PDB file of N, CA and C in Angstrom:
ATOM      1  N   MET A   1      37.901 114.777  48.343  1.00  0.00           N
ATOM      2  CA  MET A   1      38.771 115.320  47.324  1.00  0.00           C
ATOM      3  C   MET A   1      38.140 116.521  46.608  1.00  0.00           C
ATOM      4  N   PRO A   2      36.798 116.505  46.297  1.00  0.00           N
ATOM      5  CA  PRO A   2      36.213 117.684  45.657  1.00  0.00           C
ATOM      6  C   PRO A   2      36.368 118.941  46.493  1.00  0.00           C
ATOM      7  N   THR A   3      36.381 118.814  47.827  1.00  0.00           N
ATOM      8  CA  THR A   3      36.555 119.983  48.680  1.00  0.00           C
ATOM      9  C   THR A   3      37.919 120.612  48.435  1.00  0.00           C
ATOM     10  N   THR A   4      38.944 119.797  48.269  1.00  0.00           N
ATOM     11  CA  THR A   4      40.287 120.304  47.988  1.00  0.00           C
ATOM     12  C   THR A   4      40.303 121.038  46.659  1.00  0.00           C
ATOM     13  N   VAL A   5      39.630 120.496  45.662  1.00  0.00           N
ATOM     14  CA  VAL A   5      39.561 121.134  44.344  1.00  0.00           C
ATOM     15  C   VAL A   5      38.909 122.514  44.458  1.00  0.00           C
ATOM     16  N   PHE A   6      37.795 122.590  45.211  1.00  0.00           N
ATOM     17  CA  PHE A   6      37.101 123.864  45.372  1.00  0.00           C
ATOM     18  C   PHE A   6      37.967 124.880  46.101  1.00  0.00           C
ATOM     19  N   ARG A   7      38.669 124.436  47.143  1.00  0.00           N
ATOM     20  CA  ARG A   7      39.529 125.357  47.888  1.00  0.00           C
ATOM     21  C   ARG A   7      40.623 125.927  47.003  1.00  0.00           C
ATOM     22  N   CYS A   8      41.234 125.069  46.186  1.00  0.00           N
ATOM     23  CA  CYS A   8      42.287 125.535  45.277  1.00  0.00           C
ATOM     24  C   CYS A   8      41.725 126.509  44.246  1.00  0.00           C
ATOM     25  N   LEU A   9      40.542 126.200  43.733  1.00  0.00           N
ATOM     26  CA  LEU A   9      39.906 127.082  42.755  1.00  0.00           C
ATOM     27  C   LEU A   9      39.578 128.430  43.372  1.00  0.00           C
ATOM     28  N   LEU A  10      39.038 128.423  44.584  1.00  0.00           N
ATOM     29  CA  LEU A  10      38.708 129.680  45.260  1.00  0.00           C
ATOM     30  C   LEU A  10      39.963 130.486  45.579  1.00  0.00           C
ATOM     31  N   LEU A  11      41.040 129.805  45.979  1.00  0.00           N
ATOM     32  CA  LEU A  11      42.299 130.498  46.235  1.00  0.00           C
ATOM     33  C   LEU A  11      42.805 131.166  44.965  1.00  0.00           C
ATOM     34  N   SER A  12      42.724 130.444  43.863  1.00  0.00           N
ATOM     35  CA  SER A  12      43.159 131.012  42.583  1.00  0.00           C
ATOM     36  C   SER A  12      42.344 132.242  42.213  1.00  0.00           C
ATOM     37  N   LEU A  13      41.032 132.162  42.402  1.00  0.00           N
ATOM     38  CA  LEU A  13      40.180 133.303  42.084  1.00  0.00           C
ATOM     39  C   LEU A  13      40.457 134.475  43.014  1.00  0.00           C
ATOM     40  N   ALA A  14      40.762 134.221  44.275  1.00  0.00           N
ATOM     41  CA  ALA A  14      41.075 135.290  45.221  1.00  0.00           C
ATOM     42  C   ALA A  14      42.352 136.005  44.820  1.00  0.00           C
ATOM     43  N   ILE A  15      43.324 135.260  44.331  1.00  0.00           N
ATOM     44  CA  ILE A  15      44.568 135.883  43.890  1.00  0.00           C
ATOM     45  C   ILE A  15      44.309 136.783  42.690  1.00  0.00           C
ATOM     46  N   VAL A  16      43.484 136.319  41.755  1.00  0.00           N
ATOM     47  CA  VAL A  16      43.153 137.141  40.582  1.00  0.00           C
ATOM     48  C   VAL A  16      42.441 138.410  41.018  1.00  0.00           C
ATOM     49  N   ASP A  17      41.464 138.282  41.913  1.00  0.00           N
ATOM     50  CA  ASP A  17      40.695 139.426  42.359  1.00  0.00           C
ATOM     51  C   ASP A  17      41.551 140.401  43.155  1.00  0.00           C
ATOM     52  N   GLY A  18      42.443 139.909  43.990  1.00  0.00           N
ATOM     53  CA  GLY A  18      43.262 140.769  44.838  1.00  0.00           C
ATOM     54  C   GLY A  18      44.380 141.467  44.106  1.00  0.00           C
ATOM     55  N   GLY A  19      44.701 141.059  42.891  1.00  0.00           N
ATOM     56  CA  GLY A  19      45.812 141.650  42.169  1.00  0.00           C
ATOM     57  C   GLY A  19      45.442 142.889  41.379  1.00  0.00           C
ATOM     58  N   GLY A  20      44.220 143.388  41.512  1.00  0.00           N
ATOM     59  CA  GLY A  20      43.763 144.511  40.711  1.00  0.00           C
ATOM     60  C   GLY A  20      44.493 145.814  40.980  1.00  0.00           C
ATOM     61  N   TYR A  21      45.085 145.990  42.174  1.00  0.00           N
ATOM     62  CA  TYR A  21      45.751 147.227  42.526  1.00  0.00           C
ATOM     63  C   TYR A  21      47.260 147.138  42.374  1.00  0.00           C
ATOM     64  N   ALA A  22      47.754 146.018  41.882  1.00  0.00           N
ATOM     65  CA  ALA A  22      49.195 145.795  41.791  1.00  0.00           C
ATOM     66  C   ALA A  22      49.757 146.353  40.492  1.00  0.00           C
ATOM     67  N   ALA A  23      51.081 146.488  40.475  1.00  0.00           N
ATOM     68  CA  ALA A  23      51.782 146.912  39.261  1.00  0.00           C
ATOM     69  C   ALA A  23      51.648 145.817  38.208  1.00  0.00           C
ATOM     70  N   PRO A  24      51.700 146.178  36.928  1.00  0.00           N
ATOM     71  CA  PRO A  24      51.514 145.189  35.866  1.00  0.00           C
ATOM     72  C   PRO A  24      52.473 143.995  35.947  1.00  0.00           C
ATOM     73  N   ALA A  25      53.739 144.194  36.279  1.00  0.00           N
ATOM     74  CA  ALA A  25      54.691 143.084  36.358  1.00  0.00           C
ATOM     75  C   ALA A  25      54.295 142.127  37.486  1.00  0.00           C
ATOM     76  N   TYR A  26      53.917 142.673  38.620  1.00  0.00           N
ATOM     77  CA  TYR A  26      53.494 141.851  39.744  1.00  0.00           C
ATOM     78  C   TYR A  26      52.207 141.106  39.387  1.00  0.00           C
ATOM     79  N   GLU A  27      51.293 141.810  38.750  1.00  0.00           N
ATOM     80  CA  GLU A  27      50.031 141.197  38.354  1.00  0.00           C
ATOM     81  C   GLU A  27      50.276 140.058  37.372  1.00  0.00           C
ATOM     82  N   GLN A  28      51.159 140.264  36.415  1.00  0.00           N
ATOM     83  CA  GLN A  28      51.475 139.202  35.456  1.00  0.00           C
ATOM     84  C   GLN A  28      52.055 137.986  36.157  1.00  0.00           C
ATOM     85  N   GLU A  29      52.934 138.226  37.107  1.00  0.00           N
ATOM     86  CA  GLU A  29      53.537 137.133  37.865  1.00  0.00           C
ATOM     87  C   GLU A  29      52.470 136.356  38.626  1.00  0.00           C
ATOM     88  N   GLN A  30      51.568 137.079  39.280  1.00  0.00           N
ATOM     89  CA  GLN A  30      50.517 136.431  40.059  1.00  0.00           C
ATOM     90  C   GLN A  30      49.540 135.668  39.159  1.00  0.00           C
ATOM     91  N   LEU A  31      49.190 136.241  38.026  1.00  0.00           N
ATOM     92  CA  LEU A  31      48.277 135.563  37.115  1.00  0.00           C
ATOM     93  C   LEU A  31      48.927 134.334  36.477  1.00  0.00           C
ATOM     94  N   SER A  32      50.232 134.383  36.278  1.00  0.00           N
ATOM     95  CA  SER A  32      50.939 133.193  35.798  1.00  0.00           C
ATOM     96  C   SER A  32      50.871 132.088  36.850  1.00  0.00           C
ATOM     97  N   LEU A  33      50.988 132.466  38.117  1.00  0.00           N
ATOM     98  CA  LEU A  33      50.836 131.491  39.196  1.00  0.00           C
ATOM     99  C   LEU A  33      49.419 130.926  39.227  1.00  0.00           C
ATOM    100  N   VAL A  34      48.444 131.770  38.976  1.00  0.00           N
ATOM    101  CA  VAL A  34      47.057 131.305  38.927  1.00  0.00           C
ATOM    102  C   VAL A  34      46.896 130.265  37.817  1.00  0.00           C
ATOM    103  N   GLN A  35      47.493 130.523  36.669  1.00  0.00           N
ATOM    104  CA  GLN A  35      47.408 129.560  35.571  1.00  0.00           C
ATOM    105  C   GLN A  35      48.023 128.218  35.973  1.00  0.00           C
ATOM    106  N   GLN A  36      49.146 128.264  36.671  1.00  0.00           N
ATOM    107  CA  GLN A  36      49.777 127.021  37.133  1.00  0.00           C
ATOM    108  C   GLN A  36      48.855 126.292  38.118  1.00  0.00           C
ATOM    109  N   GLN A  37      48.231 127.054  39.006  1.00  0.00           N
ATOM    110  CA  GLN A  37      47.323 126.448  39.979  1.00  0.00           C
ATOM    111  C   GLN A  37      46.105 125.856  39.291  1.00  0.00           C
ATOM    112  N   LEU A  38      45.609 126.508  38.261  1.00  0.00           N
ATOM    113  CA  LEU A  38      44.478 125.967  37.508  1.00  0.00           C
ATOM    114  C   LEU A  38      44.861 124.648  36.836  1.00  0.00           C
ATOM    115  N   ASP A  39      46.096 124.566  36.335  1.00  0.00           N
ATOM    116  CA  ASP A  39      46.572 123.312  35.749  1.00  0.00           C
ATOM    117  C   ASP A  39      46.557 122.200  36.796  1.00  0.00           C
ATOM    118  N   ILE A  40      47.028 122.514  37.998  1.00  0.00           N
ATOM    119  CA  ILE A  40      47.055 121.528  39.082  1.00  0.00           C
ATOM    120  C   ILE A  40      45.635 121.109  39.453  1.00  0.00           C
ATOM    121  N   ILE A  41      44.744 122.075  39.580  1.00  0.00           N
ATOM    122  CA  ILE A  41      43.353 121.772  39.944  1.00  0.00           C
ATOM    123  C   ILE A  41      42.707 120.887  38.880  1.00  0.00           C
ATOM    124  N   GLU A  42      42.960 121.194  37.626  1.00  0.00           N
ATOM    125  CA  GLU A  42      42.384 120.390  36.558  1.00  0.00           C
ATOM    126  C   GLU A  42      42.923 118.959  36.604  1.00  0.00           C
ATOM    127  N   ARG A  43      44.222 118.805  36.837  1.00  0.00           N
ATOM    128  CA  ARG A  43      44.790 117.460  36.954  1.00  0.00           C
ATOM    129  C   ARG A  43      44.173 116.703  38.136  1.00  0.00           C
ATOM    130  N   LEU A  44      44.000 117.406  39.277  1.00  0.00           N
ATOM    131  CA  LEU A  44      43.371 116.771  40.445  1.00  0.00           C
ATOM    132  C   LEU A  44      41.942 116.327  40.132  1.00  0.00           C
ATOM    133  N   ALA A  45      41.194 117.180  39.472  1.00  0.00           N
ATOM    134  CA  ALA A  45      39.806 116.852  39.135  1.00  0.00           C
ATOM    135  C   ALA A  45      39.748 115.663  38.186  1.00  0.00           C
ATOM    136  N   THR A  46      40.633 115.638  37.195  1.00  0.00           N
ATOM    137  CA  THR A  46      40.662 114.536  36.238  1.00  0.00           C
ATOM    138  C   THR A  46      41.047 113.235  36.930  1.00  0.00           C
ATOM    139  N   ARG A  47      42.059 113.308  37.795  1.00  0.00           N
ATOM    140  CA  ARG A  47      42.501 112.119  38.524  1.00  0.00           C
ATOM    141  C   ARG A  47      41.382 111.615  39.447  1.00  0.00           C
ATOM    142  N   THR A  48      40.709 112.535  40.130  1.00  0.00           N
ATOM    143  CA  THR A  48      39.634 112.141  41.039  1.00  0.00           C
ATOM    144  C   THR A  48      38.476 111.533  40.263  1.00  0.00           C
ATOM    145  N   GLU A  49      38.168 112.107  39.114  1.00  0.00           N
ATOM    146  CA  GLU A  49      37.066 111.579  38.300  1.00  0.00           C
ATOM    147  C   GLU A  49      37.357 110.143  37.878  1.00  0.00           C
ATOM    148  N   THR A  50      38.577 109.862  37.436  1.00  0.00           N
ATOM    149  CA  THR A  50      38.886 108.509  36.977  1.00  0.00           C
ATOM    150  C   THR A  50      38.994 107.521  38.138  1.00  0.00           C
ATOM    151  N   ALA A  51      39.439 107.980  39.294  1.00  0.00           N
ATOM    152  CA  ALA A  51      39.599 107.091  40.453  1.00  0.00           C
ATOM    153  C   ALA A  51      38.297 106.883  41.212  1.00  0.00           C
ATOM    154  N   ASN A  52      37.345 107.775  41.068  1.00  0.00           N
ATOM    155  CA  ASN A  52      36.147 107.743  41.893  1.00  0.00           C
ATOM    156  C   ASN A  52      34.902 107.641  41.016  1.00  0.00           C
ATOM    157  N   ARG A  53      34.782 106.564  40.308  1.00  0.00           N
ATOM    158  CA  ARG A  53      33.585 106.372  39.482  1.00  0.00           C
ATOM    159  C   ARG A  53      32.376 106.197  40.394  1.00  0.00           C
ATOM    160  N   SER A  54      31.294 106.886  40.090  1.00  0.00           N
ATOM    161  CA  SER A  54      30.089 106.836  40.923  1.00  0.00           C
ATOM    162  C   SER A  54      29.431 105.473  40.841  1.00  0.00           C
ATOM    163  N   GLU A  55      28.881 105.087  41.952  1.00  0.00           N
ATOM    164  CA  GLU A  55      28.114 103.846  42.010  1.00  0.00           C
ATOM    165  C   GLU A  55      26.748 104.097  41.369  1.00  0.00           C
ATOM    166  N   PRO A  56      26.195 103.096  40.701  1.00  0.00           N
ATOM    167  CA  PRO A  56      24.899 103.299  40.035  1.00  0.00           C
ATOM    168  C   PRO A  56      23.758 103.623  40.990  1.00  0.00           C
ATOM    169  N   HIS A  57      23.869 103.233  42.270  1.00  0.00           N
ATOM    170  CA  HIS A  57      22.780 103.478  43.206  1.00  0.00           C
ATOM    171  C   HIS A  57      22.849 104.858  43.857  1.00  0.00           C
ATOM    172  N   GLU A  58      23.907 105.629  43.602  1.00  0.00           N
ATOM    173  CA  GLU A  58      24.011 106.970  44.186  1.00  0.00           C
ATOM    174  C   GLU A  58      23.010 107.909  43.517  1.00  0.00           C
ATOM    175  N   ARG A  59      22.369 108.711  44.330  1.00  0.00           N
ATOM    176  CA  ARG A  59      21.372 109.638  43.789  1.00  0.00           C
ATOM    177  C   ARG A  59      22.029 110.821  43.090  1.00  0.00           C
ATOM    178  N   TYR A  60      23.098 111.332  43.677  1.00  0.00           N
ATOM    179  CA  TYR A  60      23.810 112.472  43.095  1.00  0.00           C
ATOM    180  C   TYR A  60      25.270 112.099  42.894  1.00  0.00           C
ATOM    181  N   ARG A  61      25.863 112.733  41.914  1.00  0.00           N
ATOM    182  CA  ARG A  61      27.292 112.567  41.699  1.00  0.00           C
ATOM    183  C   ARG A  61      27.870 113.907  41.258  1.00  0.00           C
ATOM    184  N   PHE A  62      29.157 114.055  41.409  1.00  0.00           N
ATOM    185  CA  PHE A  62      29.830 115.308  41.082  1.00  0.00           C
ATOM    186  C   PHE A  62      30.049 115.379  39.573  1.00  0.00           C
ATOM    187  N   ASP A  63      29.784 116.538  38.984  1.00  0.00           N
ATOM    188  CA  ASP A  63      29.912 116.735  37.535  1.00  0.00           C
ATOM    189  C   ASP A  63      31.327 117.228  37.213  1.00  0.00           C
ATOM    190  N   TYR A  64      32.259 116.294  37.147  1.00  0.00           N
ATOM    191  CA  TYR A  64      33.655 116.647  36.875  1.00  0.00           C
ATOM    192  C   TYR A  64      33.854 117.279  35.499  1.00  0.00           C
ATOM    193  N   PRO A  65      33.221 116.784  34.450  1.00  0.00           N
ATOM    194  CA  PRO A  65      33.416 117.430  33.140  1.00  0.00           C
ATOM    195  C   PRO A  65      33.022 118.915  33.150  1.00  0.00           C
ATOM    196  N   ARG A  66      31.953 119.256  33.861  1.00  0.00           N
ATOM    197  CA  ARG A  66      31.534 120.660  33.927  1.00  0.00           C
ATOM    198  C   ARG A  66      32.558 121.495  34.694  1.00  0.00           C
ATOM    199  N   LEU A  67      33.093 120.936  35.792  1.00  0.00           N
ATOM    200  CA  LEU A  67      34.131 121.631  36.555  1.00  0.00           C
ATOM    201  C   LEU A  67      35.353 121.873  35.680  1.00  0.00           C
ATOM    202  N   ILE A  68      35.762 120.862  34.935  1.00  0.00           N
ATOM    203  CA  ILE A  68      36.940 120.991  34.071  1.00  0.00           C
ATOM    204  C   ILE A  68      36.694 122.033  32.989  1.00  0.00           C
ATOM    205  N   GLN A  69      35.485 122.080  32.431  1.00  0.00           N
ATOM    206  CA  GLN A  69      35.162 123.113  31.440  1.00  0.00           C
ATOM    207  C   GLN A  69      35.272 124.506  32.045  1.00  0.00           C
ATOM    208  N   ASP A  70      34.778 124.679  33.269  1.00  0.00           N
ATOM    209  CA  ASP A  70      34.855 125.984  33.932  1.00  0.00           C
ATOM    210  C   ASP A  70      36.306 126.365  34.213  1.00  0.00           C
ATOM    211  N   ILE A  71      37.117 125.418  34.638  1.00  0.00           N
ATOM    212  CA  ILE A  71      38.536 125.689  34.882  1.00  0.00           C
ATOM    213  C   ILE A  71      39.203 126.127  33.584  1.00  0.00           C
ATOM    214  N   GLN A  72      38.907 125.432  32.497  1.00  0.00           N
ATOM    215  CA  GLN A  72      39.483 125.797  31.202  1.00  0.00           C
ATOM    216  C   GLN A  72      39.028 127.193  30.773  1.00  0.00           C
ATOM    217  N   ARG A  73      37.799 127.519  31.080  1.00  0.00           N
ATOM    218  CA  ARG A  73      37.270 128.857  30.741  1.00  0.00           C
ATOM    219  C   ARG A  73      37.988 129.945  31.537  1.00  0.00           C
ATOM    220  N   ILE A  74      38.224 129.699  32.825  1.00  0.00           N
ATOM    221  CA  ILE A  74      38.958 130.665  33.648  1.00  0.00           C
ATOM    222  C   ILE A  74      40.379 130.809  33.113  1.00  0.00           C
ATOM    223  N   ARG A  75      41.017 129.675  32.813  1.00  0.00           N
ATOM    224  CA  ARG A  75      42.385 129.715  32.292  1.00  0.00           C
ATOM    225  C   ARG A  75      42.446 130.510  30.987  1.00  0.00           C
ATOM    226  N   GLN A  76      41.465 130.302  30.134  1.00  0.00           N
ATOM    227  CA  GLN A  76      41.415 131.013  28.859  1.00  0.00           C
ATOM    228  C   GLN A  76      41.257 132.523  29.080  1.00  0.00           C
ATOM    229  N   GLY A  77      40.408 132.914  30.030  1.00  0.00           N
ATOM    230  CA  GLY A  77      40.225 134.338  30.319  1.00  0.00           C
ATOM    231  C   GLY A  77      41.500 134.985  30.845  1.00  0.00           C
ATOM    232  N   VAL A  78      42.223 134.284  31.719  1.00  0.00           N
ATOM    233  CA  VAL A  78      43.495 134.803  32.243  1.00  0.00           C
ATOM    234  C   VAL A  78      44.500 134.917  31.096  1.00  0.00           C
ATOM    235  N   HIS A  79      44.547 133.896  30.248  1.00  0.00           N
ATOM    236  CA  HIS A  79      45.479 133.926  29.111  1.00  0.00           C
ATOM    237  C   HIS A  79      45.171 135.100  28.184  1.00  0.00           C
ATOM    238  N   TRP A  80      43.896 135.311  27.884  1.00  0.00           N
ATOM    239  CA  TRP A  80      43.518 136.432  27.010  1.00  0.00           C
ATOM    240  C   TRP A  80      43.878 137.769  27.637  1.00  0.00           C
ATOM    241  N   TYR A  81      43.761 137.868  28.963  1.00  0.00           N
ATOM    242  CA  TYR A  81      44.125 139.104  29.648  1.00  0.00           C
ATOM    243  C   TYR A  81      45.631 139.339  29.574  1.00  0.00           C
ATOM    244  N   LEU A  82      46.414 138.274  29.774  1.00  0.00           N
ATOM    245  CA  LEU A  82      47.868 138.417  29.789  1.00  0.00           C
ATOM    246  C   LEU A  82      48.459 138.645  28.401  1.00  0.00           C
ATOM    247  N   SER A  83      47.830 138.122  27.381  1.00  0.00           N
ATOM    248  CA  SER A  83      48.363 138.294  26.029  1.00  0.00           C
ATOM    249  C   SER A  83      47.247 138.615  25.045  1.00  0.00           C
ATOM    250  N   PRO A  84      46.723 139.840  25.149  1.00  0.00           N
ATOM    251  CA  PRO A  84      45.643 140.228  24.230  1.00  0.00           C
ATOM    252  C   PRO A  84      46.185 140.459  22.822  1.00  0.00           C
ATOM    253  N   SER A  85      45.440 139.984  21.832  1.00  0.00           N
ATOM    254  CA  SER A  85      45.858 140.220  20.455  1.00  0.00           C
ATOM    255  C   SER A  85      45.388 141.596  19.994  1.00  0.00           C
ATOM    256  N   ARG A  86      44.203 141.965  20.407  1.00  0.00           N
ATOM    257  CA  ARG A  86      43.647 143.292  20.138  1.00  0.00           C
ATOM    258  C   ARG A  86      42.378 143.426  20.963  1.00  0.00           C
ATOM    259  N   ALA A  87      41.854 144.616  21.027  1.00  0.00           N
ATOM    260  CA  ALA A  87      40.647 144.838  21.823  1.00  0.00           C
ATOM    261  C   ALA A  87      39.487 144.052  21.228  1.00  0.00           C
ATOM    262  N   GLN A  88      38.850 143.254  22.049  1.00  0.00           N
ATOM    263  CA  GLN A  88      37.726 142.439  21.614  1.00  0.00           C
ATOM    264  C   GLN A  88      36.611 142.561  22.639  1.00  0.00           C
ATOM    265  N   PRO A  89      35.376 142.442  22.209  1.00  0.00           N
ATOM    266  CA  PRO A  89      34.289 142.417  23.194  1.00  0.00           C
ATOM    267  C   PRO A  89      34.407 141.161  24.052  1.00  0.00           C
ATOM    268  N   ARG A  90      33.983 141.274  25.284  1.00  0.00           N
ATOM    269  CA  ARG A  90      34.029 140.135  26.196  1.00  0.00           C
ATOM    270  C   ARG A  90      32.958 139.122  25.834  1.00  0.00           C
ATOM    271  N   ASP A  91      33.273 137.861  26.102  1.00  0.00           N
ATOM    272  CA  ASP A  91      32.312 136.785  25.924  1.00  0.00           C
ATOM    273  C   ASP A  91      31.353 136.825  27.115  1.00  0.00           C
ATOM    274  N   PRO A  92      30.056 137.042  26.890  1.00  0.00           N
ATOM    275  CA  PRO A  92      29.131 137.236  28.010  1.00  0.00           C
ATOM    276  C   PRO A  92      28.725 135.953  28.744  1.00  0.00           C
ATOM    277  N   SER A  93      29.124 134.777  28.274  1.00  0.00           N
ATOM    278  CA  SER A  93      28.686 133.560  28.961  1.00  0.00           C
ATOM    279  C   SER A  93      29.343 133.448  30.328  1.00  0.00           C
ATOM    280  N   GLU A  94      28.621 132.842  31.249  1.00  0.00           N
ATOM    281  CA  GLU A  94      29.070 132.758  32.631  1.00  0.00           C
ATOM    282  C   GLU A  94      29.406 131.323  32.988  1.00  0.00           C
ATOM    283  N   LEU A  95      30.140 131.165  34.091  1.00  0.00           N
ATOM    284  CA  LEU A  95      30.415 129.838  34.609  1.00  0.00           C
ATOM    285  C   LEU A  95      29.125 129.259  35.161  1.00  0.00           C
ATOM    286  N   VAL A  96      28.994 127.976  35.055  1.00  0.00           N
ATOM    287  CA  VAL A  96      27.775 127.326  35.513  1.00  0.00           C
ATOM    288  C   VAL A  96      27.764 127.236  37.030  1.00  0.00           C
ATOM    289  N   GLY A  97      28.791 126.661  37.617  1.00  0.00           N
ATOM    290  CA  GLY A  97      28.914 126.600  39.063  1.00  0.00           C
ATOM    291  C   GLY A  97      28.104 125.522  39.756  1.00  0.00           C
ATOM    292  N   ASP A  98      27.201 124.840  39.069  1.00  0.00           N
ATOM    293  CA  ASP A  98      26.416 123.769  39.671  1.00  0.00           C
ATOM    294  C   ASP A  98      27.001 122.452  39.185  1.00  0.00           C
ATOM    295  N   TYR A  99      27.638 121.705  40.091  1.00  0.00           N
ATOM    296  CA  TYR A  99      28.362 120.505  39.703  1.00  0.00           C
ATOM    297  C   TYR A  99      27.714 119.216  40.207  1.00  0.00           C
ATOM    298  N   ARG A 100      26.458 119.262  40.575  1.00  0.00           N
ATOM    299  CA  ARG A 100      25.774 118.067  41.052  1.00  0.00           C
ATOM    300  C   ARG A 100      24.881 117.540  39.940  1.00  0.00           C
ATOM    301  N   LEU A 101      25.037 116.257  39.638  1.00  0.00           N
ATOM    302  CA  LEU A 101      24.213 115.602  38.632  1.00  0.00           C
ATOM    303  C   LEU A 101      23.264 114.638  39.322  1.00  0.00           C
ATOM    304  N   ASP A 102      22.021 114.614  38.901  1.00  0.00           N
ATOM    305  CA  ASP A 102      21.075 113.623  39.395  1.00  0.00           C
ATOM    306  C   ASP A 102      21.312 112.339  38.616  1.00  0.00           C
ATOM    307  N   THR A 103      21.464 111.247  39.321  1.00  0.00           N
ATOM    308  CA  THR A 103      21.624 109.951  38.695  1.00  0.00           C
ATOM    309  C   THR A 103      20.242 109.380  38.436  1.00  0.00           C
ATOM    310  N   PRO A 104      19.965 108.933  37.209  1.00  0.00           N
ATOM    311  CA  PRO A 104      18.635 108.384  36.931  1.00  0.00           C
ATOM    312  C   PRO A 104      18.370 107.166  37.801  1.00  0.00           C
ATOM    313  N   SER A 105      17.142 107.007  38.198  1.00  0.00           N
ATOM    314  CA  SER A 105      16.729 105.902  39.042  1.00  0.00           C
ATOM    315  C   SER A 105      16.862 104.589  38.272  1.00  0.00           C
ATOM    316  N   VAL A 106      17.344 103.550  38.951  1.00  0.00           N
ATOM    317  CA  VAL A 106      17.486 102.243  38.319  1.00  0.00           C
ATOM    318  C   VAL A 106      16.220 101.402  38.485  1.00  0.00           C
ATOM    319  N   GLU A 107      15.255 101.908  39.226  1.00  0.00           N
ATOM    320  CA  GLU A 107      13.993 101.196  39.420  1.00  0.00           C
ATOM    321  C   GLU A 107      13.123 101.343  38.176  1.00  0.00           C
ATOM    322  N   PRO A 108      12.461 100.263  37.763  1.00  0.00           N
ATOM    323  CA  PRO A 108      11.581 100.358  36.590  1.00  0.00           C
ATOM    324  C   PRO A 108      10.369 101.215  36.894  1.00  0.00           C
ATOM    325  N   SER A 109       9.908 101.943  35.919  1.00  0.00           N
ATOM    326  CA  SER A 109       8.716 102.781  36.077  1.00  0.00           C
ATOM    327  C   SER A 109       7.483 101.891  36.083  1.00  0.00           C
ATOM    328  N   PRO A 110       6.467 102.258  36.889  1.00  0.00           N
ATOM    329  CA  PRO A 110       5.222 101.444  36.928  1.00  0.00           C
ATOM    330  C   PRO A 110       4.411 101.577  35.673  1.00  0.00           C
TER     331      PRO A 110
END
């Protein structure tokens, strides 16, 4: 399921990147579609997180909260682009992109 989430996210980002040469009306339409796709991806990630609780013995698990934060950040950036209130400096923080969490060992320390 995480692979599907990544594919949808990458497709959404490709649409945003490819719309740079389009007319403003077309670009707005495409970015609105991206926002809808981000909503779907976020719902999928949330559903997968609740349905797929990690086993305590797994060494790594997927960091769904971080993915959801990044999706919300992308959605916010698209929203700010589509409806700017006034010229503002850009927020320099970047997406994390690393969604693997190390699960602490359940073995007692010597």
